[in-house]
Amino acid sequence: TMLYAPQILNKSAATTDYMEQFRLVIAYFSATLLVDTYPEKPFNPILGETFQCLIGGCPYYAEQISHHPPICAYELLGKNFRLWGTKEFHAKLSGNSMKTKYYGY
């Protein structure tokens, strides 16, 4: 989900047209809904463990802030934007079914 943030959100921050900014932010948010619906493996290290990387030249930081339920806090620092939040993943197994929910942004 974060892979497209630098391209789309930097373009949104660079324009002065409010409708174009709105359109780009909604396009980015809509793209994250589809990807986040099917997580392959949530970031679930031991409590307090951190992850750092560069996404499109922008630093990305994540930290496990709760283990049960697993909650990850993250921050992406772009050239003209800052994106931060938390993500929480719930899974429930019962009989012959599995239900998952993904909270946060």
C-alpha atoms as a PDB file:
ATOM      1  CA  THR A   1       0.000   0.000   0.000  1.00  0.00           C
ATOM      2  CA  MET A   2       2.825   2.379   0.771  1.00  0.00           C
ATOM      3  CA  LEU A   3       4.588   1.767  -2.551  1.00  0.00           C
ATOM      4  CA  TYR A   4       2.481   4.335  -4.403  1.00  0.00           C
ATOM      5  CA  ALA A   5       2.396   6.952  -1.641  1.00  0.00           C
ATOM      6  CA  PRO A   6       5.508   8.909  -2.704  1.00  0.00           C
ATOM      7  CA  GLN A   7       4.367   9.284  -6.320  1.00  0.00           C
ATOM      8  CA  ILE A   8       0.711  10.117  -5.662  1.00  0.00           C
ATOM      9  CA  LEU A   9       0.966  12.157  -2.442  1.00  0.00           C
ATOM     10  CA  ASN A  10       3.973  14.220  -3.594  1.00  0.00           C
ATOM     11  CA  LYS A  11       2.052  15.051  -6.765  1.00  0.00           C
ATOM     12  CA  SER A  12      -0.965  16.016  -4.630  1.00  0.00           C
ATOM     13  CA  ALA A  13       1.132  18.273  -2.386  1.00  0.00           C
ATOM     14  CA  ALA A  14       2.749  19.979  -5.395  1.00  0.00           C
ATOM     15  CA  THR A  15      -0.516  21.088  -7.030  1.00  0.00           C
ATOM     16  CA  THR A  16      -2.467  24.192  -5.997  1.00  0.00           C
ATOM     17  CA  ASP A  17      -5.766  22.943  -7.422  1.00  0.00           C
ATOM     18  CA  TYR A  18      -7.802  21.723  -4.430  1.00  0.00           C
ATOM     19  CA  MET A  19      -9.963  19.396  -6.510  1.00  0.00           C
ATOM     20  CA  GLU A  20      -6.880  17.764  -8.034  1.00  0.00           C
ATOM     21  CA  GLN A  21      -5.380  17.329  -4.537  1.00  0.00           C
ATOM     22  CA  PHE A  22      -8.633  15.776  -3.349  1.00  0.00           C
ATOM     23  CA  ARG A  23      -8.803  13.461  -6.374  1.00  0.00           C
ATOM     24  CA  LEU A  24      -5.225  12.233  -5.870  1.00  0.00           C
ATOM     25  CA  VAL A  25      -5.641  11.617  -2.130  1.00  0.00           C
ATOM     26  CA  ILE A  26      -8.888   9.692  -2.726  1.00  0.00           C
ATOM     27  CA  ALA A  27      -7.184   7.681  -5.499  1.00  0.00           C
ATOM     28  CA  TYR A  28      -4.364   6.723  -3.116  1.00  0.00           C
ATOM     29  CA  PHE A  29      -6.764   5.864  -0.274  1.00  0.00           C
ATOM     30  CA  SER A  30      -8.960   3.765  -2.603  1.00  0.00           C
ATOM     31  CA  ALA A  31      -5.911   1.813  -3.788  1.00  0.00           C
ATOM     32  CA  THR A  32      -4.935   0.986  -0.197  1.00  0.00           C
ATOM     33  CA  LEU A  33      -8.352  -0.531   0.539  1.00  0.00           C
ATOM     34  CA  LEU A  34      -7.941  -3.297  -2.012  1.00  0.00           C
ATOM     35  CA  VAL A  35      -4.392  -4.192  -0.991  1.00  0.00           C
ATOM     36  CA  ASP A  36      -5.112  -4.065   2.764  1.00  0.00           C
ATOM     37  CA  THR A  37      -8.106  -6.347   2.398  1.00  0.00           C
ATOM     38  CA  TYR A  38      -5.841  -9.305   1.589  1.00  0.00           C
ATOM     39  CA  PRO A  39      -2.727  -9.066   3.782  1.00  0.00           C
ATOM     40  CA  GLU A  40      -0.229 -11.828   3.125  1.00  0.00           C
ATOM     41  CA  LYS A  41       1.444 -11.459   6.510  1.00  0.00           C
ATOM     42  CA  PRO A  42       0.927  -8.565   8.906  1.00  0.00           C
ATOM     43  CA  PHE A  43       3.944  -6.921  10.523  1.00  0.00           C
ATOM     44  CA  ASN A  44       3.880  -8.896  13.772  1.00  0.00           C
ATOM     45  CA  PRO A  45       7.312  -8.945  15.431  1.00  0.00           C
ATOM     46  CA  ILE A  46       7.966  -8.935  19.161  1.00  0.00           C
ATOM     47  CA  LEU A  47       6.671  -5.931  21.073  1.00  0.00           C
ATOM     48  CA  GLY A  48       8.816  -2.831  20.518  1.00  0.00           C
ATOM     49  CA  GLU A  49      10.638  -4.198  17.472  1.00  0.00           C
ATOM     50  CA  THR A  50      11.010  -1.650  14.683  1.00  0.00           C
ATOM     51  CA  PHE A  51      11.249  -1.778  10.905  1.00  0.00           C
ATOM     52  CA  GLN A  52      12.837   0.921   8.730  1.00  0.00           C
ATOM     53  CA  CYS A  53      13.177   1.144   4.970  1.00  0.00           C
ATOM     54  CA  LEU A  54      13.046   3.547   2.024  1.00  0.00           C
ATOM     55  CA  ILE A  55       9.980   3.555  -0.217  1.00  0.00           C
ATOM     56  CA  GLY A  56      10.507   5.598  -3.361  1.00  0.00           C
ATOM     57  CA  GLY A  57      13.331   7.446  -1.584  1.00  0.00           C
ATOM     58  CA  CYS A  58      11.083   8.302   1.383  1.00  0.00           C
ATOM     59  CA  PRO A  59      11.899   6.934   4.858  1.00  0.00           C
ATOM     60  CA  TYR A  60       9.313   4.553   6.328  1.00  0.00           C
ATOM     61  CA  TYR A  61       9.235   3.580  10.011  1.00  0.00           C
ATOM     62  CA  ALA A  62       7.049   0.967  11.714  1.00  0.00           C
ATOM     63  CA  GLU A  63       6.915  -0.301  15.288  1.00  0.00           C
ATOM     64  CA  GLN A  64       4.940  -3.029  17.002  1.00  0.00           C
ATOM     65  CA  ILE A  65       3.071  -1.227  19.826  1.00  0.00           C
ATOM     66  CA  SER A  66       0.757  -4.059  20.942  1.00  0.00           C
ATOM     67  CA  HIS A  67       1.019  -7.809  20.606  1.00  0.00           C
ATOM     68  CA  HIS A  68      -2.561  -8.919  21.488  1.00  0.00           C
ATOM     69  CA  PRO A  69      -4.163  -7.651  19.342  1.00  0.00           C
ATOM     70  CA  PRO A  70      -1.241  -6.968  16.985  1.00  0.00           C
ATOM     71  CA  ILE A  71      -1.095  -3.210  16.383  1.00  0.00           C
ATOM     72  CA  CYS A  72       1.553  -1.553  14.237  1.00  0.00           C
ATOM     73  CA  ALA A  73       2.264   2.201  14.281  1.00  0.00           C
ATOM     74  CA  TYR A  74       3.845   3.589  11.113  1.00  0.00           C
ATOM     75  CA  GLU A  75       5.112   6.825   9.573  1.00  0.00           C
ATOM     76  CA  LEU A  76       6.098   7.622   5.984  1.00  0.00           C
ATOM     77  CA  LEU A  77       7.956  10.909   5.480  1.00  0.00           C
ATOM     78  CA  GLY A  78       7.655  12.243   1.946  1.00  0.00           C
ATOM     79  CA  LYS A  79       9.157  15.286   0.322  1.00  0.00           C
ATOM     80  CA  ASN A  80       5.929  17.270   0.706  1.00  0.00           C
ATOM     81  CA  PHE A  81       3.787  15.052   2.927  1.00  0.00           C
ATOM     82  CA  ARG A  82       3.758  13.007   6.130  1.00  0.00           C
ATOM     83  CA  LEU A  83       1.603   9.880   6.410  1.00  0.00           C
ATOM     84  CA  TRP A  84       1.184   8.187   9.805  1.00  0.00           C
ATOM     85  CA  GLY A  85      -1.246   5.957  11.613  1.00  0.00           C
ATOM     86  CA  THR A  86      -1.823   2.516  13.097  1.00  0.00           C
ATOM     87  CA  LYS A  87      -2.960  -0.802  11.681  1.00  0.00           C
ATOM     88  CA  GLU A  88      -4.625  -3.581  13.633  1.00  0.00           C
ATOM     89  CA  PHE A  89      -5.309  -7.081  12.344  1.00  0.00           C
ATOM     90  CA  HIS A  90      -7.863  -9.488  13.877  1.00  0.00           C
ATOM     91  CA  ALA A  91      -8.345 -13.122  12.891  1.00  0.00           C
ATOM     92  CA  LYS A  92     -11.011 -15.457  14.269  1.00  0.00           C
ATOM     93  CA  LEU A  93     -10.960 -19.194  13.613  1.00  0.00           C
ATOM     94  CA  SER A  94     -14.025 -21.311  14.263  1.00  0.00           C
ATOM     95  CA  GLY A  95     -14.965 -24.770  13.059  1.00  0.00           C
ATOM     96  CA  ASN A  96     -14.498 -24.668   9.306  1.00  0.00           C
ATOM     97  CA  SER A  97     -14.260 -20.918   8.767  1.00  0.00           C
ATOM     98  CA  MET A  98     -11.945 -17.977   9.296  1.00  0.00           C
ATOM     99  CA  LYS A  99     -12.926 -14.334   9.639  1.00  0.00           C
ATOM    100  CA  THR A 100     -10.406 -11.483   9.359  1.00  0.00           C
ATOM    101  CA  LYS A 101     -10.738  -7.757   9.991  1.00  0.00           C
ATOM    102  CA  TYR A 102      -8.221  -5.016   9.331  1.00  0.00           C
ATOM    103  CA  TYR A 103      -8.582  -1.758  11.284  1.00  0.00           C
ATOM    104  CA  GLY A 104      -6.778   1.547  11.105  1.00  0.00           C
ATOM    105  CA  TYR A 105      -5.097   3.650   8.541  1.00  0.00           C
END
